[in-house]
Amino acid sequence: MVASQKLSHLLQLADQGPALRAALAEEVAELLTDWPAAYPDSMKGVCEALLAKAARDVDTSTRARLRVQLYCDPELSARVLPCQSTSQIVIQAARGGEDVAVLLATSLEVDVAIARQILNDETGAALAVACKGAHIDRAAFSALALLSHPSQECRQAFAMLDAFDDVPSGEATRVLRGWRENQANAA
């Protein structure tokens, strides 16, 4: 396909709306990583802008695939992919109603069963310990706590949020290390 036809095709995909954002992003990423010699370099800027816009609208798993796809060009990846911390990704998943246990487990370097126990603790103490031990800030902890237990009354929610302030950092780090070691010993 000649460059003008390819660009026209990509722009048509972009006009299709959010439903095709993942397809657009992956197609443009593939094009940018294997740029045809016959295509003008001036078209790269348009493609990068398309990819950057599409990448903001895709889900976490698609964004992860894009990072893998663009691994060979870290500068391009840095320019077009939104930079998100692990805690932001976990919060975004929780807001979307996704099961965050796997993401939290990866973030904390514990197995999924431990992450589920942490998330299911109604008091928020386990989540407070995990977040503080992993150096996840209070704002991220608060969002996770409230998203994990949305049906709590205000009094219970405030008590859960106070749990973060009550946990000493050194103790949280020690407990998180213990969870990791117990997991390693069990394996």
N, C-alpha and C. Protein backbone atom coordinates (compact mmCIF):
# COMPACT_ATOMS: atom_id res chain seq x y z
N MET A 1 0.86 -1.18 0.00
CA MET A 1 0.00 0.00 0.00
C MET A 1 0.90 1.23 0.00
N VAL A 2 0.59 2.18 -0.85
CA VAL A 2 1.38 3.40 -0.91
C VAL A 2 1.10 4.24 0.33
N ALA A 3 2.02 5.15 0.62
CA ALA A 3 1.97 5.93 1.85
C ALA A 3 0.67 6.72 2.00
N SER A 4 0.23 7.37 0.95
CA SER A 4 -0.99 8.18 1.05
C SER A 4 -2.22 7.31 1.33
N GLN A 5 -2.27 6.12 0.74
CA GLN A 5 -3.38 5.20 1.00
C GLN A 5 -3.33 4.68 2.44
N LYS A 6 -2.15 4.37 2.89
CA LYS A 6 -1.99 3.87 4.27
C LYS A 6 -2.43 4.94 5.26
N LEU A 7 -1.98 6.16 5.07
CA LEU A 7 -2.36 7.25 5.97
C LEU A 7 -3.87 7.48 5.94
N SER A 8 -4.45 7.42 4.76
CA SER A 8 -5.90 7.57 4.63
C SER A 8 -6.62 6.46 5.40
N HIS A 9 -6.12 5.24 5.26
CA HIS A 9 -6.71 4.09 5.98
C HIS A 9 -6.63 4.31 7.50
N LEU A 10 -5.48 4.76 7.98
CA LEU A 10 -5.31 4.98 9.42
C LEU A 10 -6.22 6.09 9.93
N LEU A 11 -6.36 7.15 9.15
CA LEU A 11 -7.25 8.25 9.54
C LEU A 11 -8.71 7.80 9.55
N GLN A 12 -9.08 6.91 8.63
CA GLN A 12 -10.44 6.36 8.63
C GLN A 12 -10.67 5.53 9.90
N LEU A 13 -9.68 4.74 10.28
CA LEU A 13 -9.78 3.96 11.52
C LEU A 13 -9.96 4.90 12.72
N ALA A 14 -9.22 5.99 12.73
CA ALA A 14 -9.31 6.95 13.84
C ALA A 14 -10.70 7.56 13.92
N ASP A 15 -11.34 7.74 12.78
CA ASP A 15 -12.69 8.31 12.76
C ASP A 15 -13.77 7.33 13.19
N GLN A 16 -13.42 6.06 13.33
CA GLN A 16 -14.41 5.04 13.70
C GLN A 16 -14.79 5.09 15.17
N GLY A 17 -14.07 5.85 15.95
CA GLY A 17 -14.41 5.99 17.37
C GLY A 17 -13.65 5.03 18.25
N PRO A 18 -14.00 5.01 19.53
CA PRO A 18 -13.25 4.25 20.53
C PRO A 18 -13.23 2.74 20.31
N ALA A 19 -14.23 2.22 19.61
CA ALA A 19 -14.31 0.77 19.42
C ALA A 19 -13.09 0.21 18.68
N LEU A 20 -12.53 1.00 17.81
CA LEU A 20 -11.38 0.51 17.02
C LEU A 20 -10.05 1.12 17.45
N ARG A 21 -10.00 1.76 18.61
CA ARG A 21 -8.77 2.41 19.06
C ARG A 21 -7.63 1.39 19.23
N ALA A 22 -7.94 0.23 19.77
CA ALA A 22 -6.89 -0.77 19.99
C ALA A 22 -6.31 -1.23 18.66
N ALA A 23 -7.18 -1.50 17.68
CA ALA A 23 -6.72 -1.93 16.36
C ALA A 23 -5.87 -0.85 15.71
N LEU A 24 -6.33 0.39 15.81
CA LEU A 24 -5.58 1.52 15.26
C LEU A 24 -4.21 1.62 15.92
N ALA A 25 -4.20 1.60 17.25
CA ALA A 25 -2.93 1.74 17.98
C ALA A 25 -1.95 0.65 17.60
N GLU A 26 -2.41 -0.59 17.55
CA GLU A 26 -1.51 -1.69 17.24
C GLU A 26 -1.01 -1.63 15.80
N GLU A 27 -1.88 -1.23 14.88
CA GLU A 27 -1.47 -1.11 13.48
C GLU A 27 -0.45 0.02 13.30
N VAL A 28 -0.68 1.14 13.94
CA VAL A 28 0.26 2.26 13.82
C VAL A 28 1.58 1.91 14.50
N ALA A 29 1.54 1.25 15.64
CA ALA A 29 2.78 0.85 16.33
C ALA A 29 3.60 -0.08 15.44
N GLU A 30 2.92 -1.01 14.79
CA GLU A 30 3.62 -1.93 13.88
C GLU A 30 4.26 -1.16 12.72
N LEU A 31 3.52 -0.22 12.18
CA LEU A 31 4.05 0.59 11.08
C LEU A 31 5.28 1.38 11.52
N LEU A 32 5.21 2.01 12.68
CA LEU A 32 6.32 2.83 13.16
C LEU A 32 7.56 2.01 13.50
N THR A 33 7.38 0.79 13.98
CA THR A 33 8.54 -0.03 14.32
C THR A 33 9.19 -0.67 13.10
N ASP A 34 8.44 -0.75 12.02
CA ASP A 34 8.98 -1.32 10.78
C ASP A 34 8.64 -0.38 9.63
N TRP A 35 9.17 0.85 9.72
CA TRP A 35 8.84 1.91 8.77
C TRP A 35 9.31 1.57 7.36
N PRO A 36 8.40 1.51 6.39
CA PRO A 36 8.79 1.20 5.01
C PRO A 36 9.67 2.30 4.41
N ALA A 37 10.69 1.90 3.71
CA ALA A 37 11.63 2.86 3.12
C ALA A 37 10.93 3.78 2.12
N ALA A 38 9.86 3.29 1.49
CA ALA A 38 9.17 4.08 0.48
C ALA A 38 8.27 5.17 1.09
N TYR A 39 8.03 5.11 2.39
CA TYR A 39 7.17 6.09 3.04
C TYR A 39 7.99 7.31 3.43
N PRO A 40 7.43 8.51 3.26
CA PRO A 40 8.18 9.73 3.63
C PRO A 40 8.30 9.85 5.16
N ASP A 41 9.45 10.34 5.59
CA ASP A 41 9.68 10.53 7.02
C ASP A 41 8.71 11.55 7.62
N SER A 42 8.23 12.46 6.80
CA SER A 42 7.30 13.48 7.29
C SER A 42 5.98 12.85 7.78
N MET A 43 5.67 11.66 7.32
CA MET A 43 4.44 10.98 7.72
C MET A 43 4.57 10.36 9.12
N LYS A 44 5.80 10.18 9.58
CA LYS A 44 6.03 9.59 10.91
C LYS A 44 5.39 10.44 12.01
N GLY A 45 5.52 11.75 11.90
CA GLY A 45 4.95 12.63 12.92
C GLY A 45 3.45 12.47 13.05
N VAL A 46 2.78 12.35 11.91
CA VAL A 46 1.32 12.15 11.92
C VAL A 46 0.99 10.81 12.58
N CYS A 47 1.76 9.78 12.22
CA CYS A 47 1.52 8.45 12.79
C CYS A 47 1.79 8.43 14.29
N GLU A 48 2.84 9.11 14.72
CA GLU A 48 3.12 9.18 16.16
C GLU A 48 2.00 9.89 16.90
N ALA A 49 1.47 10.95 16.32
CA ALA A 49 0.36 11.68 16.94
C ALA A 49 -0.89 10.79 17.02
N LEU A 50 -1.14 10.03 15.96
CA LEU A 50 -2.28 9.10 15.97
C LEU A 50 -2.11 8.04 17.06
N LEU A 51 -0.91 7.50 17.16
CA LEU A 51 -0.65 6.48 18.17
C LEU A 51 -0.78 7.05 19.57
N ALA A 52 -0.26 8.24 19.80
CA ALA A 52 -0.35 8.86 21.12
C ALA A 52 -1.80 9.08 21.52
N LYS A 53 -2.62 9.56 20.59
CA LYS A 53 -4.03 9.78 20.88
C LYS A 53 -4.75 8.47 21.13
N ALA A 54 -4.51 7.49 20.30
CA ALA A 54 -5.17 6.19 20.46
C ALA A 54 -4.75 5.51 21.76
N ALA A 55 -3.48 5.64 22.12
CA ALA A 55 -2.96 4.98 23.33
C ALA A 55 -3.61 5.53 24.60
N ARG A 56 -4.04 6.78 24.57
CA ARG A 56 -4.73 7.35 25.74
C ARG A 56 -6.11 6.75 25.92
N ASP A 57 -6.69 6.22 24.84
CA ASP A 57 -8.06 5.73 24.87
C ASP A 57 -8.18 4.21 24.99
N VAL A 58 -7.07 3.50 25.05
CA VAL A 58 -7.15 2.04 25.11
C VAL A 58 -7.05 1.55 26.55
N ASP A 59 -7.42 0.29 26.74
CA ASP A 59 -7.39 -0.28 28.09
C ASP A 59 -5.96 -0.66 28.49
N THR A 60 -5.83 -1.08 29.73
CA THR A 60 -4.53 -1.39 30.30
C THR A 60 -3.82 -2.51 29.57
N SER A 61 -4.55 -3.56 29.21
CA SER A 61 -3.90 -4.70 28.54
C SER A 61 -3.41 -4.32 27.14
N THR A 62 -4.17 -3.50 26.44
CA THR A 62 -3.72 -3.05 25.11
C THR A 62 -2.49 -2.17 25.25
N ARG A 63 -2.49 -1.30 26.26
CA ARG A 63 -1.33 -0.44 26.49
C ARG A 63 -0.09 -1.30 26.79
N ALA A 64 -0.28 -2.38 27.54
CA ALA A 64 0.83 -3.27 27.84
C ALA A 64 1.35 -3.94 26.57
N ARG A 65 0.44 -4.37 25.70
CA ARG A 65 0.86 -4.97 24.41
C ARG A 65 1.63 -3.95 23.58
N LEU A 66 1.18 -2.70 23.60
CA LEU A 66 1.88 -1.65 22.85
C LEU A 66 3.29 -1.44 23.39
N ARG A 67 3.45 -1.49 24.71
CA ARG A 67 4.78 -1.34 25.30
C ARG A 67 5.71 -2.46 24.82
N VAL A 68 5.18 -3.68 24.75
CA VAL A 68 5.97 -4.81 24.26
C VAL A 68 6.30 -4.60 22.79
N GLN A 69 5.31 -4.17 22.02
CA GLN A 69 5.49 -3.96 20.60
C GLN A 69 6.54 -2.87 20.33
N LEU A 70 6.58 -1.85 21.18
CA LEU A 70 7.51 -0.73 20.98
C LEU A 70 8.80 -0.89 21.78
N TYR A 71 9.01 -2.05 22.36
CA TYR A 71 10.19 -2.29 23.19
C TYR A 71 11.48 -2.01 22.43
N CYS A 72 11.50 -2.29 21.14
CA CYS A 72 12.72 -2.09 20.35
C CYS A 72 13.06 -0.62 20.14
N ASP A 73 12.11 0.27 20.41
CA ASP A 73 12.35 1.70 20.24
C ASP A 73 11.87 2.46 21.49
N PRO A 74 12.69 2.45 22.56
CA PRO A 74 12.26 3.07 23.81
C PRO A 74 11.98 4.57 23.70
N GLU A 75 12.67 5.26 22.81
CA GLU A 75 12.41 6.69 22.64
C GLU A 75 11.02 6.93 22.07
N LEU A 76 10.64 6.13 21.08
CA LEU A 76 9.30 6.23 20.51
C LEU A 76 8.26 5.89 21.57
N SER A 77 8.51 4.84 22.32
CA SER A 77 7.59 4.43 23.39
C SER A 77 7.38 5.57 24.39
N ALA A 78 8.47 6.21 24.78
CA ALA A 78 8.38 7.32 25.74
C ALA A 78 7.60 8.50 25.17
N ARG A 79 7.72 8.73 23.85
CA ARG A 79 7.02 9.85 23.23
C ARG A 79 5.52 9.61 23.08
N VAL A 80 5.13 8.38 22.78
CA VAL A 80 3.72 8.16 22.41
C VAL A 80 2.87 7.46 23.45
N LEU A 81 3.48 6.75 24.38
CA LEU A 81 2.68 6.04 25.37
C LEU A 81 2.60 6.83 26.66
N PRO A 82 1.40 6.92 27.21
CA PRO A 82 1.26 7.63 28.48
C PRO A 82 2.03 6.91 29.57
N CYS A 83 2.71 7.66 30.37
CA CYS A 83 3.48 7.10 31.47
C CYS A 83 2.57 6.99 32.69
N GLN A 84 2.40 5.77 33.19
CA GLN A 84 1.56 5.57 34.35
C GLN A 84 2.32 4.72 35.36
N SER A 85 2.17 5.08 36.59
CA SER A 85 2.77 4.26 37.63
C SER A 85 1.89 3.02 37.82
N THR A 86 2.46 2.03 38.46
CA THR A 86 1.72 0.80 38.71
C THR A 86 0.47 1.09 39.53
N SER A 87 0.59 1.96 40.52
CA SER A 87 -0.58 2.26 41.35
C SER A 87 -1.67 2.93 40.51
N GLN A 88 -1.31 3.77 39.55
CA GLN A 88 -2.31 4.39 38.68
C GLN A 88 -3.01 3.34 37.83
N ILE A 89 -2.25 2.36 37.36
CA ILE A 89 -2.83 1.30 36.55
C ILE A 89 -3.80 0.47 37.37
N VAL A 90 -3.43 0.15 38.62
CA VAL A 90 -4.31 -0.62 39.49
C VAL A 90 -5.58 0.17 39.79
N ILE A 91 -5.45 1.45 40.06
CA ILE A 91 -6.62 2.29 40.35
C ILE A 91 -7.53 2.39 39.13
N GLN A 92 -6.93 2.56 37.97
CA GLN A 92 -7.72 2.65 36.74
C GLN A 92 -8.50 1.36 36.52
N ALA A 93 -7.86 0.22 36.78
CA ALA A 93 -8.54 -1.06 36.64
C ALA A 93 -9.69 -1.18 37.64
N ALA A 94 -9.45 -0.74 38.87
CA ALA A 94 -10.51 -0.79 39.90
C ALA A 94 -11.68 0.10 39.51
N ARG A 95 -11.39 1.26 38.98
CA ARG A 95 -12.46 2.17 38.55
C ARG A 95 -13.27 1.57 37.41
N GLY A 96 -12.60 0.78 36.59
CA GLY A 96 -13.28 0.12 35.47
C GLY A 96 -14.00 -1.15 35.87
N GLY A 97 -13.97 -1.48 37.15
CA GLY A 97 -14.66 -2.67 37.63
C GLY A 97 -13.91 -3.96 37.37
N GLU A 98 -12.65 -3.85 36.97
CA GLU A 98 -11.85 -5.04 36.69
C GLU A 98 -11.38 -5.68 37.99
N ASP A 99 -10.98 -6.94 37.90
CA ASP A 99 -10.40 -7.63 39.05
C ASP A 99 -8.96 -7.13 39.20
N VAL A 100 -8.69 -6.41 40.27
CA VAL A 100 -7.37 -5.79 40.44
C VAL A 100 -6.39 -6.68 41.20
N ALA A 101 -6.83 -7.84 41.64
CA ALA A 101 -5.96 -8.70 42.44
C ALA A 101 -4.67 -9.07 41.69
N VAL A 102 -4.77 -9.39 40.42
CA VAL A 102 -3.58 -9.78 39.66
C VAL A 102 -2.62 -8.59 39.53
N LEU A 103 -3.17 -7.41 39.22
CA LEU A 103 -2.33 -6.22 39.09
C LEU A 103 -1.68 -5.85 40.43
N LEU A 104 -2.47 -5.95 41.50
CA LEU A 104 -1.93 -5.63 42.82
C LEU A 104 -0.85 -6.64 43.21
N ALA A 105 -1.09 -7.92 42.90
CA ALA A 105 -0.10 -8.96 43.19
C ALA A 105 1.22 -8.66 42.48
N THR A 106 1.13 -8.27 41.23
CA THR A 106 2.33 -7.93 40.47
C THR A 106 3.03 -6.72 41.09
N SER A 107 2.26 -5.72 41.45
CA SER A 107 2.81 -4.51 42.03
C SER A 107 3.52 -4.79 43.36
N LEU A 108 2.91 -5.65 44.16
CA LEU A 108 3.46 -5.95 45.49
C LEU A 108 4.47 -7.09 45.47
N GLU A 109 4.56 -7.79 44.35
CA GLU A 109 5.42 -8.96 44.22
C GLU A 109 5.01 -10.08 45.18
N VAL A 110 3.69 -10.30 45.26
CA VAL A 110 3.13 -11.40 46.04
C VAL A 110 2.21 -12.19 45.12
N ASP A 111 1.76 -13.36 45.59
CA ASP A 111 0.86 -14.12 44.72
C ASP A 111 -0.56 -13.57 44.79
N VAL A 112 -1.38 -14.01 43.86
CA VAL A 112 -2.73 -13.47 43.72
C VAL A 112 -3.58 -13.78 44.96
N ALA A 113 -3.38 -14.94 45.57
CA ALA A 113 -4.16 -15.29 46.77
C ALA A 113 -3.91 -14.27 47.89
N ILE A 114 -2.66 -13.89 48.08
CA ILE A 114 -2.34 -12.89 49.11
C ILE A 114 -2.95 -11.54 48.73
N ALA A 115 -2.86 -11.18 47.46
CA ALA A 115 -3.45 -9.91 47.01
C ALA A 115 -4.96 -9.90 47.25
N ARG A 116 -5.62 -11.01 47.01
CA ARG A 116 -7.07 -11.09 47.25
C ARG A 116 -7.38 -10.93 48.74
N GLN A 117 -6.57 -11.55 49.60
CA GLN A 117 -6.78 -11.40 51.05
C GLN A 117 -6.61 -9.94 51.46
N ILE A 118 -5.60 -9.30 50.90
CA ILE A 118 -5.35 -7.89 51.21
C ILE A 118 -6.54 -7.03 50.80
N LEU A 119 -7.05 -7.27 49.60
CA LEU A 119 -8.17 -6.48 49.09
C LEU A 119 -9.47 -6.76 49.84
N ASN A 120 -9.63 -7.99 50.31
CA ASN A 120 -10.88 -8.38 50.97
C ASN A 120 -10.94 -7.99 52.45
N ASP A 121 -9.85 -7.51 53.01
CA ASP A 121 -9.84 -7.10 54.42
C ASP A 121 -10.73 -5.87 54.58
N GLU A 122 -11.84 -6.04 55.27
CA GLU A 122 -12.83 -4.97 55.44
C GLU A 122 -12.30 -3.77 56.23
N THR A 123 -11.29 -3.99 57.05
CA THR A 123 -10.77 -2.89 57.87
C THR A 123 -9.84 -1.98 57.08
N GLY A 124 -9.28 -2.50 56.00
CA GLY A 124 -8.32 -1.72 55.21
C GLY A 124 -6.91 -1.79 55.77
N ALA A 125 -6.73 -2.47 56.89
CA ALA A 125 -5.41 -2.52 57.52
C ALA A 125 -4.40 -3.26 56.65
N ALA A 126 -4.80 -4.37 56.07
CA ALA A 126 -3.87 -5.13 55.22
C ALA A 126 -3.48 -4.33 53.99
N LEU A 127 -4.45 -3.64 53.40
CA LEU A 127 -4.14 -2.80 52.23
C LEU A 127 -3.24 -1.64 52.63
N ALA A 128 -3.47 -1.08 53.81
CA ALA A 128 -2.62 0.01 54.30
C ALA A 128 -1.18 -0.48 54.47
N VAL A 129 -1.03 -1.64 55.07
CA VAL A 129 0.31 -2.22 55.26
C VAL A 129 0.97 -2.47 53.91
N ALA A 130 0.23 -3.08 52.99
CA ALA A 130 0.78 -3.41 51.67
C ALA A 130 1.20 -2.14 50.92
N CYS A 131 0.33 -1.15 50.92
CA CYS A 131 0.64 0.09 50.20
C CYS A 131 1.82 0.82 50.82
N LYS A 132 1.81 0.93 52.13
CA LYS A 132 2.91 1.65 52.79
C LYS A 132 4.22 0.89 52.61
N GLY A 133 4.16 -0.44 52.70
CA GLY A 133 5.36 -1.26 52.51
C GLY A 133 5.92 -1.18 51.11
N ALA A 134 5.04 -0.98 50.12
CA ALA A 134 5.46 -0.90 48.72
C ALA A 134 5.67 0.55 48.28
N HIS A 135 5.60 1.49 49.22
CA HIS A 135 5.80 2.92 48.95
C HIS A 135 4.75 3.47 47.98
N ILE A 136 3.53 2.96 48.11
CA ILE A 136 2.39 3.50 47.36
C ILE A 136 1.80 4.61 48.21
N ASP A 137 1.61 5.78 47.64
CA ASP A 137 1.21 6.94 48.44
C ASP A 137 -0.22 6.85 48.99
N ARG A 138 -0.51 7.74 49.91
CA ARG A 138 -1.80 7.73 50.60
C ARG A 138 -2.97 7.94 49.65
N ALA A 139 -2.79 8.80 48.67
CA ALA A 139 -3.87 9.05 47.71
C ALA A 139 -4.23 7.78 46.94
N ALA A 140 -3.22 7.05 46.51
CA ALA A 140 -3.47 5.79 45.80
C ALA A 140 -4.11 4.77 46.73
N PHE A 141 -3.61 4.69 47.97
CA PHE A 141 -4.22 3.80 48.96
C PHE A 141 -5.69 4.15 49.15
N SER A 142 -5.98 5.43 49.33
CA SER A 142 -7.36 5.87 49.56
C SER A 142 -8.27 5.47 48.41
N ALA A 143 -7.80 5.70 47.20
CA ALA A 143 -8.61 5.33 46.02
C ALA A 143 -8.86 3.83 45.99
N LEU A 144 -7.81 3.04 46.21
CA LEU A 144 -7.97 1.58 46.20
C LEU A 144 -8.90 1.11 47.31
N ALA A 145 -8.74 1.68 48.48
CA ALA A 145 -9.57 1.27 49.62
C ALA A 145 -11.04 1.55 49.33
N LEU A 146 -11.34 2.73 48.85
CA LEU A 146 -12.73 3.09 48.59
C LEU A 146 -13.31 2.33 47.40
N LEU A 147 -12.49 2.08 46.39
CA LEU A 147 -12.97 1.33 45.23
C LEU A 147 -13.15 -0.15 45.55
N SER A 148 -12.34 -0.66 46.47
CA SER A 148 -12.44 -2.08 46.85
C SER A 148 -13.64 -2.34 47.74
N HIS A 149 -14.08 -1.32 48.48
CA HIS A 149 -15.20 -1.46 49.43
C HIS A 149 -16.16 -0.28 49.27
N PRO A 150 -16.84 -0.21 48.11
CA PRO A 150 -17.68 0.97 47.84
C PRO A 150 -18.95 1.08 48.68
N SER A 151 -19.38 0.00 49.27
CA SER A 151 -20.67 0.05 49.97
C SER A 151 -20.57 0.41 51.44
N GLN A 152 -19.39 0.77 51.90
CA GLN A 152 -19.23 1.08 53.32
C GLN A 152 -19.86 2.42 53.68
N GLU A 153 -20.29 2.51 54.93
CA GLU A 153 -20.81 3.77 55.45
C GLU A 153 -19.65 4.73 55.63
N CYS A 154 -19.95 6.01 55.72
CA CYS A 154 -18.91 7.04 55.85
C CYS A 154 -17.99 6.78 57.03
N ARG A 155 -18.57 6.43 58.16
CA ARG A 155 -17.77 6.21 59.38
C ARG A 155 -16.76 5.07 59.14
N GLN A 156 -17.22 3.99 58.52
CA GLN A 156 -16.34 2.86 58.24
C GLN A 156 -15.28 3.24 57.21
N ALA A 157 -15.68 4.01 56.21
CA ALA A 157 -14.73 4.44 55.18
C ALA A 157 -13.62 5.31 55.78
N PHE A 158 -14.00 6.24 56.66
CA PHE A 158 -12.99 7.10 57.29
C PHE A 158 -12.06 6.28 58.18
N ALA A 159 -12.60 5.29 58.87
CA ALA A 159 -11.76 4.44 59.72
C ALA A 159 -10.77 3.66 58.85
N MET A 160 -11.24 3.20 57.70
CA MET A 160 -10.36 2.47 56.78
C MET A 160 -9.24 3.39 56.28
N LEU A 161 -9.59 4.61 55.93
CA LEU A 161 -8.59 5.56 55.43
C LEU A 161 -7.59 5.94 56.51
N ASP A 162 -8.04 6.01 57.75
CA ASP A 162 -7.14 6.32 58.86
C ASP A 162 -6.12 5.21 59.09
N ALA A 163 -6.44 4.00 58.65
CA ALA A 163 -5.53 2.87 58.86
C ALA A 163 -4.16 3.14 58.24
N PHE A 164 -4.13 3.83 57.13
CA PHE A 164 -2.86 4.14 56.46
C PHE A 164 -1.94 4.95 57.37
N ASP A 165 -2.50 5.95 58.02
CA ASP A 165 -1.71 6.83 58.89
C ASP A 165 -1.23 6.11 60.14
N ASP A 166 -1.96 5.07 60.55
CA ASP A 166 -1.62 4.36 61.78
C ASP A 166 -0.50 3.33 61.60
N VAL A 167 -0.15 3.01 60.36
CA VAL A 167 0.85 1.98 60.10
C VAL A 167 2.24 2.60 60.00
N PRO A 168 3.18 2.18 60.87
CA PRO A 168 4.55 2.68 60.74
C PRO A 168 5.21 2.11 59.47
N SER A 169 5.95 2.93 58.78
CA SER A 169 6.58 2.51 57.52
C SER A 169 7.48 1.30 57.68
N GLY A 170 8.31 1.31 58.72
CA GLY A 170 9.22 0.19 58.94
C GLY A 170 8.48 -1.12 59.15
N GLU A 171 7.40 -1.06 59.92
CA GLU A 171 6.59 -2.25 60.18
C GLU A 171 5.92 -2.73 58.88
N ALA A 172 5.43 -1.82 58.09
CA ALA A 172 4.78 -2.17 56.82
C ALA A 172 5.77 -2.85 55.88
N THR A 173 6.98 -2.33 55.82
CA THR A 173 8.01 -2.93 54.97
C THR A 173 8.35 -4.33 55.44
N ARG A 174 8.45 -4.49 56.76
CA ARG A 174 8.76 -5.81 57.33
C ARG A 174 7.66 -6.82 57.04
N VAL A 175 6.41 -6.42 57.19
CA VAL A 175 5.28 -7.33 56.94
C VAL A 175 5.22 -7.71 55.46
N LEU A 176 5.36 -6.74 54.57
CA LEU A 176 5.34 -7.03 53.14
C LEU A 176 6.48 -7.99 52.77
N ARG A 177 7.65 -7.75 53.33
CA ARG A 177 8.78 -8.65 53.09
C ARG A 177 8.44 -10.06 53.58
N GLY A 178 7.78 -10.14 54.73
CA GLY A 178 7.36 -11.44 55.27
C GLY A 178 6.40 -12.16 54.35
N TRP A 179 5.43 -11.43 53.78
CA TRP A 179 4.49 -12.05 52.84
C TRP A 179 5.24 -12.61 51.63
N ARG A 180 6.21 -11.84 51.15
CA ARG A 180 7.00 -12.30 49.99
C ARG A 180 7.82 -13.52 50.34
N GLU A 181 8.46 -13.51 51.52
CA GLU A 181 9.29 -14.64 51.93
C GLU A 181 8.45 -15.89 52.15
N ASN A 182 7.30 -15.76 52.80
CA ASN A 182 6.41 -16.91 53.01
C ASN A 182 5.98 -17.51 51.67
N GLN A 183 5.72 -16.65 50.73
CA GLN A 183 5.33 -17.10 49.40
C GLN A 183 6.50 -17.85 48.74
N ALA A 184 7.71 -17.31 48.86
CA ALA A 184 8.88 -17.95 48.26
C ALA A 184 9.17 -19.29 48.94
N ASN A 185 9.00 -19.36 50.27
CA ASN A 185 9.24 -20.61 51.00
C ASN A 185 8.20 -21.66 50.62
N ALA A 186 6.96 -21.23 50.38
CA ALA A 186 5.90 -22.17 50.01
C ALA A 186 6.15 -22.75 48.61
N ALA A 187 6.77 -21.96 47.76
CA ALA A 187 7.06 -22.43 46.39
C ALA A 187 8.23 -23.38 46.44
